[in-house]
PDB file of all heavy atoms in Angstrom:
ATOM      1  N   LEU A   1       0.838  -1.200   0.007  1.00  0.00           N
ATOM      2  CA  LEU A   1       0.003   0.004  -0.001  1.00  0.00           C
ATOM      3  C   LEU A   1       0.870   1.251  -0.001  1.00  0.00           C
ATOM      4  O   LEU A   1       1.988   1.215   0.517  1.00  0.00           O
ATOM      5  CB  LEU A   1      -0.885   0.021   1.249  1.00  0.00           C
ATOM      6  CG  LEU A   1      -1.988  -1.016   1.336  1.00  0.00           C
ATOM      7  CD1 LEU A   1      -2.627  -0.980   2.731  1.00  0.00           C
ATOM      8  CD2 LEU A   1      -3.025  -0.814   0.282  1.00  0.00           C
ATOM      9  N   PRO A   2       0.378   2.355  -0.568  1.00  0.00           N
ATOM     10  CA  PRO A   2       1.125   3.608  -0.512  1.00  0.00           C
ATOM     11  C   PRO A   2       1.334   4.015   0.954  1.00  0.00           C
ATOM     12  O   PRO A   2       0.571   3.648   1.848  1.00  0.00           O
ATOM     13  CB  PRO A   2       0.236   4.608  -1.233  1.00  0.00           C
ATOM     14  CG  PRO A   2      -0.686   3.775  -2.053  1.00  0.00           C
ATOM     15  CD  PRO A   2      -0.880   2.494  -1.327  1.00  0.00           C
ATOM     16  N   LYS A   3       2.382   4.791   1.206  1.00  0.00           N
ATOM     17  CA  LYS A   3       2.697   5.235   2.556  1.00  0.00           C
ATOM     18  C   LYS A   3       1.515   5.977   3.160  1.00  0.00           C
ATOM     19  O   LYS A   3       0.925   6.870   2.511  1.00  0.00           O
ATOM     20  CB  LYS A   3       3.942   6.134   2.549  1.00  0.00           C
ATOM     21  CG  LYS A   3       4.407   6.500   3.942  1.00  0.00           C
ATOM     22  CD  LYS A   3       5.701   7.328   3.899  1.00  0.00           C
ATOM     23  CE  LYS A   3       6.185   7.656   5.304  1.00  0.00           C
ATOM     24  NZ  LYS A   3       7.436   8.448   5.284  1.00  0.00           N
ATOM     25  N   GLY A   4       1.135   5.620   4.372  1.00  0.00           N
ATOM     26  CA  GLY A   4       0.022   6.287   5.061  1.00  0.00           C
ATOM     27  C   GLY A   4      -1.339   5.706   4.741  1.00  0.00           C
ATOM     28  O   GLY A   4      -2.338   6.102   5.320  1.00  0.00           O
ATOM     29  N   ALA A   5      -1.388   4.766   3.804  1.00  0.00           N
ATOM     30  CA  ALA A   5      -2.694   4.220   3.371  1.00  0.00           C
ATOM     31  C   ALA A   5      -3.211   3.151   4.319  1.00  0.00           C
ATOM     32  O   ALA A   5      -4.369   2.751   4.224  1.00  0.00           O
ATOM     33  CB  ALA A   5      -2.592   3.657   1.971  1.00  0.00           C
ATOM     34  N   GLU A   6      -2.394   2.672   5.237  1.00  0.00           N
ATOM     35  CA  GLU A   6      -2.840   1.609   6.143  1.00  0.00           C
ATOM     36  C   GLU A   6      -3.957   2.080   7.050  1.00  0.00           C
ATOM     37  O   GLU A   6      -4.841   1.303   7.422  1.00  0.00           O
ATOM     38  CB  GLU A   6      -1.687   1.076   6.969  1.00  0.00           C
ATOM     39  CG  GLU A   6      -0.820   0.085   6.220  1.00  0.00           C
ATOM     40  CD  GLU A   6       0.096  -0.690   7.150  1.00  0.00           C
ATOM     41  OE1 GLU A   6       0.311  -0.237   8.305  1.00  0.00           O
ATOM     42  OE2 GLU A   6       0.597  -1.747   6.740  1.00  0.00           O
ATOM     43  N   THR A   7      -3.945   3.350   7.419  1.00  0.00           N
ATOM     44  CA  THR A   7      -5.050   3.868   8.248  1.00  0.00           C
ATOM     45  C   THR A   7      -6.363   3.704   7.544  1.00  0.00           C
ATOM     46  O   THR A   7      -7.362   3.293   8.124  1.00  0.00           O
ATOM     47  CB  THR A   7      -4.794   5.351   8.591  1.00  0.00           C
ATOM     48  OG1 THR A   7      -3.580   5.459   9.330  1.00  0.00           O
ATOM     49  CG2 THR A   7      -5.958   5.918   9.398  1.00  0.00           C
ATOM     50  N   ARG A   8      -6.369   4.009   6.250  1.00  0.00           N
ATOM     51  CA  ARG A   8      -7.593   3.841   5.450  1.00  0.00           C
ATOM     52  C   ARG A   8      -7.961   2.364   5.338  1.00  0.00           C
ATOM     53  O   ARG A   8      -9.131   2.036   5.141  1.00  0.00           O
ATOM     54  CB  ARG A   8      -7.366   4.475   4.074  1.00  0.00           C
ATOM     55  CG  ARG A   8      -8.525   4.348   3.120  1.00  0.00           C
ATOM     56  CD  ARG A   8      -8.329   5.287   1.909  1.00  0.00           C
ATOM     57  NE  ARG A   8      -6.986   5.302   1.386  1.00  0.00           N
ATOM     58  CZ  ARG A   8      -6.521   4.390   0.522  1.00  0.00           C
ATOM     59  NH1 ARG A   8      -7.294   3.402   0.125  1.00  0.00           N
ATOM     60  NH2 ARG A   8      -5.293   4.471   0.058  1.00  0.00           N
ATOM     61  N   ALA A   9      -6.977   1.496   5.429  1.00  0.00           N
ATOM     62  CA  ALA A   9      -7.216   0.070   5.276  1.00  0.00           C
ATOM     63  C   ALA A   9      -7.614  -0.608   6.578  1.00  0.00           C
ATOM     64  O   ALA A   9      -7.850  -1.815   6.592  1.00  0.00           O
ATOM     65  CB  ALA A   9      -5.966  -0.612   4.708  1.00  0.00           C
ATOM     66  N   ALA A  10      -7.748   0.153   7.669  1.00  0.00           N
ATOM     67  CA  ALA A  10      -8.005  -0.438   8.977  1.00  0.00           C
ATOM     68  C   ALA A  10      -9.200  -1.378   9.005  1.00  0.00           C
ATOM     69  O   ALA A  10      -9.120  -2.469   9.611  1.00  0.00           O
ATOM     70  CB  ALA A  10      -8.169   0.662  10.049  1.00  0.00           C
ATOM     71  N   PRO A  11     -10.339  -1.068   8.346  1.00  0.00           N
ATOM     72  CA  PRO A  11     -11.446  -2.018   8.376  1.00  0.00           C
ATOM     73  C   PRO A  11     -11.104  -3.392   7.848  1.00  0.00           C
ATOM     74  O   PRO A  11     -11.653  -4.400   8.316  1.00  0.00           O
ATOM     75  CB  PRO A  11     -12.530  -1.330   7.496  1.00  0.00           C
ATOM     76  CG  PRO A  11     -12.201   0.123   7.582  1.00  0.00           C
ATOM     77  CD  PRO A  11     -10.711   0.188   7.643  1.00  0.00           C
ATOM     78  N   ALA A  12     -10.195  -3.461   6.867  1.00  0.00           N
ATOM     79  CA  ALA A  12      -9.848  -4.758   6.291  1.00  0.00           C
ATOM     80  C   ALA A  12      -9.139  -5.658   7.301  1.00  0.00           C
ATOM     81  O   ALA A  12      -9.198  -6.877   7.153  1.00  0.00           O
ATOM     82  CB  ALA A  12      -8.954  -4.526   5.062  1.00  0.00           C
ATOM     83  N   PHE A  13      -8.493  -5.066   8.287  1.00  0.00           N
ATOM     84  CA  PHE A  13      -7.815  -5.872   9.307  1.00  0.00           C
ATOM     85  C   PHE A  13      -8.836  -6.619  10.163  1.00  0.00           C
ATOM     86  O   PHE A  13      -8.517  -7.647  10.745  1.00  0.00           O
ATOM     87  CB  PHE A  13      -6.921  -4.980  10.164  1.00  0.00           C
ATOM     88  CG  PHE A  13      -5.644  -4.579   9.496  1.00  0.00           C
ATOM     89  CD1 PHE A  13      -5.620  -3.644   8.480  1.00  0.00           C
ATOM     90  CD2 PHE A  13      -4.438  -5.171   9.880  1.00  0.00           C
ATOM     91  CE1 PHE A  13      -4.440  -3.278   7.864  1.00  0.00           C
ATOM     92  CE2 PHE A  13      -3.242  -4.808   9.252  1.00  0.00           C
ATOM     93  CZ  PHE A  13      -3.244  -3.861   8.257  1.00  0.00           C
ATOM     94  N   ILE A  14     -10.074  -6.085  10.275  1.00  0.00           N
ATOM     95  CA  ILE A  14     -11.121  -6.792  11.009  1.00  0.00           C
ATOM     96  C   ILE A  14     -11.412  -8.127  10.315  1.00  0.00           C
ATOM     97  O   ILE A  14     -11.462  -9.196  10.976  1.00  0.00           O
ATOM     98  CB  ILE A  14     -12.395  -5.936  11.056  1.00  0.00           C
ATOM     99  CG1 ILE A  14     -12.144  -4.652  11.869  1.00  0.00           C
ATOM    100  CG2 ILE A  14     -13.562  -6.731  11.635  1.00  0.00           C
ATOM    101  CD1 ILE A  14     -13.287  -3.672  11.850  1.00  0.00           C
ATOM    102  N   GLY A  15     -11.582  -8.092   8.994  1.00  0.00           N
ATOM    103  CA  GLY A  15     -11.831  -9.327   8.263  1.00  0.00           C
ATOM    104  C   GLY A  15     -10.655 -10.282   8.284  1.00  0.00           C
ATOM    105  O   GLY A  15     -10.846 -11.506   8.294  1.00  0.00           O
ATOM    106  N   TRP A  16      -9.444  -9.732   8.297  1.00  0.00           N
ATOM    107  CA  TRP A  16      -8.253 -10.593   8.371  1.00  0.00           C
ATOM    108  C   TRP A  16      -8.280 -11.394   9.682  1.00  0.00           C
ATOM    109  O   TRP A  16      -8.037 -12.599   9.709  1.00  0.00           O
ATOM    110  CB  TRP A  16      -6.995  -9.754   8.309  1.00  0.00           C
ATOM    111  CG  TRP A  16      -5.731 -10.570   8.383  1.00  0.00           C
ATOM    112  CD1 TRP A  16      -5.018 -10.868   9.508  1.00  0.00           C
ATOM    113  CD2 TRP A  16      -5.020 -11.151   7.282  1.00  0.00           C
ATOM    114  NE1 TRP A  16      -3.910 -11.621   9.172  1.00  0.00           N
ATOM    115  CE2 TRP A  16      -3.902 -11.812   7.807  1.00  0.00           C
ATOM    116  CE3 TRP A  16      -5.242 -11.181   5.906  1.00  0.00           C
ATOM    117  CZ2 TRP A  16      -3.008 -12.490   7.018  1.00  0.00           C
ATOM    118  CZ3 TRP A  16      -4.343 -11.868   5.095  1.00  0.00           C
ATOM    119  CH2 TRP A  16      -3.236 -12.514   5.645  1.00  0.00           C
ATOM    120  N   ALA A  17      -8.596 -10.707  10.793  1.00  0.00           N
ATOM    121  CA  ALA A  17      -8.639 -11.402  12.081  1.00  0.00           C
ATOM    122  C   ALA A  17      -9.816 -12.370  12.144  1.00  0.00           C
ATOM    123  O   ALA A  17      -9.663 -13.522  12.574  1.00  0.00           O
ATOM    124  CB  ALA A  17      -8.753 -10.362  13.215  1.00  0.00           C
ATOM    125  N   LEU A  18     -10.984 -11.934  11.709  1.00  0.00           N
ATOM    126  CA  LEU A  18     -12.173 -12.800  11.830  1.00  0.00           C
ATOM    127  C   LEU A  18     -12.160 -13.915  10.824  1.00  0.00           C
ATOM    128  O   LEU A  18     -12.856 -14.925  11.009  1.00  0.00           O
ATOM    129  CB  LEU A  18     -13.433 -11.949  11.701  1.00  0.00           C
ATOM    130  CG  LEU A  18     -13.655 -10.986  12.891  1.00  0.00           C
ATOM    131  CD1 LEU A  18     -14.876 -10.102  12.625  1.00  0.00           C
ATOM    132  CD2 LEU A  18     -13.834 -11.756  14.181  1.00  0.00           C
ATOM    133  N   GLY A  19     -11.399 -13.799   9.746  1.00  0.00           N
ATOM    134  CA  GLY A  19     -11.254 -14.896   8.814  1.00  0.00           C
ATOM    135  C   GLY A  19     -10.540 -16.086   9.456  1.00  0.00           C
ATOM    136  O   GLY A  19     -10.601 -17.200   8.939  1.00  0.00           O
ATOM    137  N   GLN A  20      -9.881 -15.846  10.573  1.00  0.00           N
ATOM    138  CA  GLN A  20      -9.166 -16.932  11.269  1.00  0.00           C
ATOM    139  C   GLN A  20      -9.848 -17.329  12.582  1.00  0.00           C
ATOM    140  O   GLN A  20      -9.279 -18.058  13.374  1.00  0.00           O
ATOM    141  CB  GLN A  20      -7.708 -16.473  11.526  1.00  0.00           C
ATOM    142  CG  GLN A  20      -6.983 -16.213  10.229  1.00  0.00           C
ATOM    143  CD  GLN A  20      -5.553 -15.763  10.448  1.00  0.00           C
ATOM    144  OE1 GLN A  20      -4.717 -16.537  10.896  1.00  0.00           O
ATOM    145  NE2 GLN A  20      -5.259 -14.514  10.105  1.00  0.00           N
ATOM    146  N   TYR A  21     -11.070 -16.817  12.771  1.00  0.00           N
ATOM    147  CA  TYR A  21     -11.821 -17.222  13.955  1.00  0.00           C
ATOM    148  C   TYR A  21     -12.164 -18.697  13.914  1.00  0.00           C
ATOM    149  O   TYR A  21     -12.612 -19.228  12.879  1.00  0.00           O
ATOM    150  CB  TYR A  21     -13.129 -16.399  14.057  1.00  0.00           C
ATOM    151  CG  TYR A  21     -14.061 -16.922  15.133  1.00  0.00           C
ATOM    152  CD1 TYR A  21     -13.916 -16.462  16.453  1.00  0.00           C
ATOM    153  CD2 TYR A  21     -15.040 -17.853  14.864  1.00  0.00           C
ATOM    154  CE1 TYR A  21     -14.742 -16.949  17.452  1.00  0.00           C
ATOM    155  CE2 TYR A  21     -15.874 -18.338  15.859  1.00  0.00           C
ATOM    156  CZ  TYR A  21     -15.713 -17.896  17.151  1.00  0.00           C
ATOM    157  OH  TYR A  21     -16.531 -18.369  18.138  1.00  0.00           O
ATOM    158  N   ARG A  22     -11.989 -19.367  15.009  1.00  0.00           N
ATOM    159  CA  ARG A  22     -12.402 -20.759  15.159  1.00  0.00           C
ATOM    160  C   ARG A  22     -12.988 -20.935  16.579  1.00  0.00           C
ATOM    161  O   ARG A  22     -12.421 -20.434  17.548  1.00  0.00           O
ATOM    162  CB  ARG A  22     -11.248 -21.741  14.972  1.00  0.00           C
ATOM    163  CG  ARG A  22     -10.527 -21.649  13.636  1.00  0.00           C
ATOM    164  CD  ARG A  22     -11.382 -22.130  12.468  1.00  0.00           C
ATOM    165  NE  ARG A  22     -10.603 -22.127  11.236  1.00  0.00           N
ATOM    166  CZ  ARG A  22     -10.522 -21.062  10.425  1.00  0.00           C
ATOM    167  NH1 ARG A  22     -11.130 -19.924  10.744  1.00  0.00           N
ATOM    168  NH2 ARG A  22      -9.811 -21.145   9.320  1.00  0.00           N
ATOM    169  N   PHE A  23     -14.070 -21.661  16.683  1.00  0.00           N
ATOM    170  CA  PHE A  23     -14.624 -21.993  17.987  1.00  0.00           C
ATOM    171  C   PHE A  23     -14.172 -23.411  18.327  1.00  0.00           C
ATOM    172  O   PHE A  23     -14.599 -24.370  17.699  1.00  0.00           O
ATOM    173  CB  PHE A  23     -16.161 -21.892  17.985  1.00  0.00           C
ATOM    174  CG  PHE A  23     -16.770 -22.251  19.309  1.00  0.00           C
ATOM    175  CD1 PHE A  23     -16.597 -21.396  20.407  1.00  0.00           C
ATOM    176  CD2 PHE A  23     -17.508 -23.389  19.496  1.00  0.00           C
ATOM    177  CE1 PHE A  23     -17.146 -21.689  21.628  1.00  0.00           C
ATOM    178  CE2 PHE A  23     -18.070 -23.708  20.724  1.00  0.00           C
ATOM    179  CZ  PHE A  23     -17.887 -22.841  21.799  1.00  0.00           C
ATOM    180  N   GLU A  24     -13.293 -23.532  19.303  1.00  0.00           N
ATOM    181  CA  GLU A  24     -12.635 -24.804  19.558  1.00  0.00           C
ATOM    182  C   GLU A  24     -12.822 -25.289  21.001  1.00  0.00           C
ATOM    183  O   GLU A  24     -12.059 -26.110  21.481  1.00  0.00           O
ATOM    184  CB  GLU A  24     -11.140 -24.678  19.243  1.00  0.00           C
ATOM    185  CG  GLU A  24     -10.877 -24.362  17.772  1.00  0.00           C
ATOM    186  CD  GLU A  24      -9.406 -24.267  17.424  1.00  0.00           C
ATOM    187  OE1 GLU A  24      -8.649 -23.824  18.313  1.00  0.00           O
ATOM    188  OE2 GLU A  24      -9.025 -24.612  16.319  1.00  0.00           O
ATOM    189  N   ARG A  25     -13.847 -24.827  21.655  1.00  0.00           N
ATOM    190  CA  ARG A  25     -14.044 -25.270  23.052  1.00  0.00           C
ATOM    191  C   ARG A  25     -14.309 -26.775  23.126  1.00  0.00           C
ATOM    192  O   ARG A  25     -13.820 -27.438  24.011  1.00  0.00           O
ATOM    193  CB  ARG A  25     -15.204 -24.515  23.671  1.00  0.00           C
ATOM    194  CG  ARG A  25     -15.584 -25.102  25.020  1.00  0.00           C
ATOM    195  CD  ARG A  25     -16.433 -24.221  25.884  1.00  0.00           C
ATOM    196  NE  ARG A  25     -16.686 -24.841  27.170  1.00  0.00           N
ATOM    197  CZ  ARG A  25     -17.033 -24.219  28.279  1.00  0.00           C
ATOM    198  NH1 ARG A  25     -17.171 -22.916  28.251  1.00  0.00           N
ATOM    199  NH2 ARG A  25     -17.249 -24.863  29.388  1.00  0.00           N
ATOM    200  N   TYR A  26     -15.078 -27.284  22.176  1.00  0.00           N
ATOM    201  CA  TYR A  26     -15.491 -28.696  22.249  1.00  0.00           C
ATOM    202  C   TYR A  26     -14.753 -29.594  21.266  1.00  0.00           C
ATOM    203  O   TYR A  26     -14.740 -30.801  21.426  1.00  0.00           O
ATOM    204  CB  TYR A  26     -16.990 -28.807  21.972  1.00  0.00           C
ATOM    205  CG  TYR A  26     -17.840 -27.987  22.928  1.00  0.00           C
ATOM    206  CD1 TYR A  26     -18.592 -26.927  22.490  1.00  0.00           C
ATOM    207  CD2 TYR A  26     -17.842 -28.291  24.291  1.00  0.00           C
ATOM    208  CE1 TYR A  26     -19.383 -26.186  23.364  1.00  0.00           C
ATOM    209  CE2 TYR A  26     -18.609 -27.546  25.182  1.00  0.00           C
ATOM    210  CZ  TYR A  26     -19.368 -26.490  24.719  1.00  0.00           C
ATOM    211  OH  TYR A  26     -20.123 -25.746  25.603  1.00  0.00           O
ATOM    212  N   ARG A  27     -14.143 -29.002  20.233  1.00  0.00           N
ATOM    213  CA  ARG A  27     -13.422 -29.820  19.258  1.00  0.00           C
ATOM    214  C   ARG A  27     -12.401 -28.946  18.540  1.00  0.00           C
ATOM    215  O   ARG A  27     -12.767 -27.965  17.892  1.00  0.00           O
ATOM    216  CB  ARG A  27     -14.398 -30.404  18.222  1.00  0.00           C
ATOM    217  CG  ARG A  27     -13.721 -31.341  17.216  1.00  0.00           C
ATOM    218  CD  ARG A  27     -14.691 -31.754  16.113  1.00  0.00           C
ATOM    219  NE  ARG A  27     -15.064 -30.601  15.287  1.00  0.00           N
ATOM    220  CZ  ARG A  27     -16.025 -30.619  14.363  1.00  0.00           C
ATOM    221  NH1 ARG A  27     -16.717 -31.706  14.160  1.00  0.00           N
ATOM    222  NH2 ARG A  27     -16.292 -29.531  13.664  1.00  0.00           N
ATOM    223  N   ALA A  28     -11.155 -29.340  18.638  1.00  0.00           N
ATOM    224  CA  ALA A  28     -10.097 -28.623  17.935  1.00  0.00           C
ATOM    225  C   ALA A  28      -9.936 -29.221  16.536  1.00  0.00           C
ATOM    226  O   ALA A  28     -10.173 -30.411  16.323  1.00  0.00           O
ATOM    227  CB  ALA A  28      -8.798 -28.716  18.693  1.00  0.00           C
ATOM    228  N   GLU A  29      -9.571 -28.375  15.564  1.00  0.00           N
ATOM    229  CA  GLU A  29      -9.324 -28.866  14.209  1.00  0.00           C
ATOM    230  C   GLU A  29      -8.045 -29.714  14.199  1.00  0.00           C
ATOM    231  O   GLU A  29      -6.984 -29.251  14.642  1.00  0.00           O
ATOM    232  CB  GLU A  29      -9.208 -27.705  13.230  1.00  0.00           C
ATOM    233  CG  GLU A  29     -10.514 -26.936  13.042  1.00  0.00           C
ATOM    234  CD  GLU A  29     -10.395 -25.906  11.931  1.00  0.00           C
ATOM    235  OE1 GLU A  29      -9.440 -26.004  11.128  1.00  0.00           O
ATOM    236  OE2 GLU A  29     -11.252 -25.022  11.885  1.00  0.00           O
ATOM    237  N   ALA A  30      -8.149 -30.927  13.666  1.00  0.00           N
ATOM    238  CA  ALA A  30      -7.003 -31.836  13.678  1.00  0.00           C
ATOM    239  C   ALA A  30      -5.841 -31.315  12.865  1.00  0.00           C
ATOM    240  O   ALA A  30      -4.678 -31.486  13.200  1.00  0.00           O
ATOM    241  CB  ALA A  30      -7.460 -33.198  13.184  1.00  0.00           C
ATOM    242  N   LYS A  31      -6.146 -30.662  11.722  1.00  0.00           N
ATOM    243  CA  LYS A  31      -5.100 -30.177  10.840  1.00  0.00           C
ATOM    244  C   LYS A  31      -5.254 -28.681  10.614  1.00  0.00           C
ATOM    245  O   LYS A  31      -5.255 -28.189   9.492  1.00  0.00           O
ATOM    246  CB  LYS A  31      -5.148 -30.917   9.490  1.00  0.00           C
ATOM    247  CG  LYS A  31      -4.880 -32.421   9.610  1.00  0.00           C
ATOM    248  CD  LYS A  31      -4.916 -33.092   8.245  1.00  0.00           C
ATOM    249  CE  LYS A  31      -4.634 -34.597   8.365  1.00  0.00           C
ATOM    250  NZ  LYS A  31      -4.674 -35.275   7.033  1.00  0.00           N
ATOM    251  N   ALA A  32      -5.404 -27.946  11.712  1.00  0.00           N
ATOM    252  CA  ALA A  32      -5.615 -26.520  11.608  1.00  0.00           C
ATOM    253  C   ALA A  32      -4.378 -25.817  11.061  1.00  0.00           C
ATOM    254  O   ALA A  32      -3.249 -26.129  11.457  1.00  0.00           O
ATOM    255  CB  ALA A  32      -5.956 -25.952  12.963  1.00  0.00           C
ATOM    256  N   GLU A  33      -4.602 -24.881  10.154  1.00  0.00           N
ATOM    257  CA  GLU A  33      -3.521 -24.073   9.616  1.00  0.00           C
ATOM    258  C   GLU A  33      -3.029 -23.135  10.696  1.00  0.00           C
ATOM    259  O   GLU A  33      -3.795 -22.644  11.518  1.00  0.00           O
ATOM    260  CB  GLU A  33      -4.041 -23.272   8.397  1.00  0.00           C
ATOM    261  CG  GLU A  33      -2.961 -22.526   7.643  1.00  0.00           C
ATOM    262  CD  GLU A  33      -2.138 -23.459   6.747  1.00  0.00           C
ATOM    263  OE1 GLU A  33      -2.723 -24.338   6.109  1.00  0.00           O
ATOM    264  OE2 GLU A  33      -0.913 -23.256   6.693  1.00  0.00           O
ATOM    265  N   GLY A  34      -1.729 -22.883  10.713  1.00  0.00           N
ATOM    266  CA  GLY A  34      -1.159 -21.949  11.687  1.00  0.00           C
ATOM    267  C   GLY A  34      -1.614 -20.535  11.394  1.00  0.00           C
ATOM    268  O   GLY A  34      -2.279 -20.265  10.373  1.00  0.00           O
ATOM    269  N   PRO A  35      -1.254 -19.579  12.243  1.00  0.00           N
ATOM    270  CA  PRO A  35      -1.741 -18.205  12.038  1.00  0.00           C
ATOM    271  C   PRO A  35      -1.159 -17.553  10.793  1.00  0.00           C
ATOM    272  O   PRO A  35      -0.021 -17.804  10.405  1.00  0.00           O
ATOM    273  CB  PRO A  35      -1.279 -17.480  13.297  1.00  0.00           C
ATOM    274  CG  PRO A  35      -0.119 -18.286  13.784  1.00  0.00           C
ATOM    275  CD  PRO A  35      -0.429 -19.697  13.435  1.00  0.00           C
ATOM    276  N   ARG A  36      -1.984 -16.755  10.133  1.00  0.00           N
ATOM    277  CA  ARG A  36      -1.524 -15.883   9.045  1.00  0.00           C
ATOM    278  C   ARG A  36      -1.354 -14.509   9.684  1.00  0.00           C
ATOM    279  O   ARG A  36      -2.342 -13.904  10.115  1.00  0.00           O
ATOM    280  CB  ARG A  36      -2.535 -15.818   7.895  1.00  0.00           C
ATOM    281  CG  ARG A  36      -2.762 -17.101   7.126  1.00  0.00           C
ATOM    282  CD  ARG A  36      -3.751 -17.979   7.852  1.00  0.00           C
ATOM    283  NE  ARG A  36      -4.305 -19.016   6.971  1.00  0.00           N
ATOM    284  CZ  ARG A  36      -5.158 -19.922   7.376  1.00  0.00           C
ATOM    285  NH1 ARG A  36      -5.548 -19.953   8.641  1.00  0.00           N
ATOM    286  NH2 ARG A  36      -5.632 -20.816   6.543  1.00  0.00           N
ATOM    287  N   ILE A  37      -0.164 -14.034   9.708  1.00  0.00           N
ATOM    288  CA  ILE A  37       0.167 -12.785  10.407  1.00  0.00           C
ATOM    289  C   ILE A  37       0.281 -11.661   9.405  1.00  0.00           C
ATOM    290  O   ILE A  37       0.982 -11.766   8.397  1.00  0.00           O
ATOM    291  CB  ILE A  37       1.491 -12.924  11.185  1.00  0.00           C
ATOM    292  CG1 ILE A  37       1.344 -14.059  12.224  1.00  0.00           C
ATOM    293  CG2 ILE A  37       1.890 -11.628  11.858  1.00  0.00           C
ATOM    294  CD1 ILE A  37       2.679 -14.516  12.783  1.00  0.00           C
ATOM    295  N   LEU A  38      -0.423 -10.566   9.673  1.00  0.00           N
ATOM    296  CA  LEU A  38      -0.379  -9.392   8.823  1.00  0.00           C
ATOM    297  C   LEU A  38       0.429  -8.314   9.524  1.00  0.00           C
ATOM    298  O   LEU A  38       0.136  -7.963  10.675  1.00  0.00           O
ATOM    299  CB  LEU A  38      -1.796  -8.893   8.515  1.00  0.00           C
ATOM    300  CG  LEU A  38      -1.951  -7.938   7.329  1.00  0.00           C
ATOM    301  CD1 LEU A  38      -1.417  -8.551   6.049  1.00  0.00           C
ATOM    302  CD2 LEU A  38      -3.405  -7.564   7.148  1.00  0.00           C
ATOM    303  N   LEU A  39       1.444  -7.816   8.858  1.00  0.00           N
ATOM    304  CA  LEU A  39       2.319  -6.795   9.437  1.00  0.00           C
ATOM    305  C   LEU A  39       1.743  -5.402   9.152  1.00  0.00           C
ATOM    306  O   LEU A  39       1.184  -5.153   8.083  1.00  0.00           O
ATOM    307  CB  LEU A  39       3.721  -6.901   8.844  1.00  0.00           C
ATOM    308  CG  LEU A  39       4.395  -8.288   8.982  1.00  0.00           C
ATOM    309  CD1 LEU A  39       5.758  -8.258   8.339  1.00  0.00           C
ATOM    310  CD2 LEU A  39       4.478  -8.714  10.444  1.00  0.00           C
ATOM    311  N   THR A  40       1.890  -4.505  10.117  1.00  0.00           N
ATOM    312  CA  THR A  40       1.365  -3.140   9.945  1.00  0.00           C
ATOM    313  C   THR A  40       2.316  -2.134  10.559  1.00  0.00           C
ATOM    314  O   THR A  40       2.886  -2.371  11.614  1.00  0.00           O
ATOM    315  CB  THR A  40      -0.023  -3.012  10.572  1.00  0.00           C
ATOM    316  OG1 THR A  40      -0.461  -1.662  10.429  1.00  0.00           O
ATOM    317  CG2 THR A  40      -0.006  -3.386  12.042  1.00  0.00           C
ATOM    318  N   ALA A  41       2.433  -1.004   9.895  1.00  0.00           N
ATOM    319  CA  ALA A  41       3.189   0.118  10.441  1.00  0.00           C
ATOM    320  C   ALA A  41       2.305   1.083  11.202  1.00  0.00           C
ATOM    321  O   ALA A  41       2.769   1.883  12.002  1.00  0.00           O
ATOM    322  CB  ALA A  41       3.904   0.874   9.298  1.00  0.00           C
ATOM    323  N   GLU A  42       0.993   1.008  10.960  1.00  0.00           N
ATOM    324  CA  GLU A  42       0.029   1.917  11.604  1.00  0.00           C
ATOM    325  C   GLU A  42      -0.638   1.192  12.777  1.00  0.00           C
ATOM    326  O   GLU A  42      -1.735   0.650  12.648  1.00  0.00           O
ATOM    327  CB  GLU A  42      -1.015   2.373  10.559  1.00  0.00           C
ATOM    328  CG  GLU A  42      -0.411   3.047   9.355  1.00  0.00           C
ATOM    329  CD  GLU A  42       0.092   4.450   9.672  1.00  0.00           C
ATOM    330  OE1 GLU A  42      -0.314   4.999  10.724  1.00  0.00           O
ATOM    331  OE2 GLU A  42       0.853   5.001   8.885  1.00  0.00           O
ATOM    332  N   VAL A  43       0.023   1.217  13.928  1.00  0.00           N
ATOM    333  CA  VAL A  43      -0.428   0.374  15.029  1.00  0.00           C
ATOM    334  C   VAL A  43      -1.740   0.887  15.650  1.00  0.00           C
ATOM    335  O   VAL A  43      -2.659   0.129  15.897  1.00  0.00           O
ATOM    336  CB  VAL A  43       0.669   0.274  16.114  1.00  0.00           C
ATOM    337  CG1 VAL A  43       0.151  -0.487  17.323  1.00  0.00           C
ATOM    338  CG2 VAL A  43       1.905  -0.393  15.511  1.00  0.00           C
ATOM    339  N   LYS A  44      -1.851   2.211  15.901  1.00  0.00           N
ATOM    340  CA  LYS A  44      -2.977   2.728  16.655  1.00  0.00           C
ATOM    341  C   LYS A  44      -4.320   2.538  15.968  1.00  0.00           C
ATOM    342  O   LYS A  44      -5.242   1.996  16.572  1.00  0.00           O
ATOM    343  CB  LYS A  44      -2.739   4.212  17.002  1.00  0.00           C
ATOM    344  CG  LYS A  44      -3.804   4.777  17.933  1.00  0.00           C
ATOM    345  CD  LYS A  44      -3.444   6.183  18.369  1.00  0.00           C
ATOM    346  CE  LYS A  44      -4.502   6.748  19.335  1.00  0.00           C
ATOM    347  NZ  LYS A  44      -4.180   8.110  19.802  1.00  0.00           N
TER     348      LYS A  44
END
């Protein structure tokens, strides 16, 4: 992304996190993929 554009992209990080949501209280995925980590310079 262009410099400074990550702030505008903040809503997309919600979908990135929720795309990896799993409810595992009663059953864990046997072959669950590890985390996909998204790097950001715009922390706040």
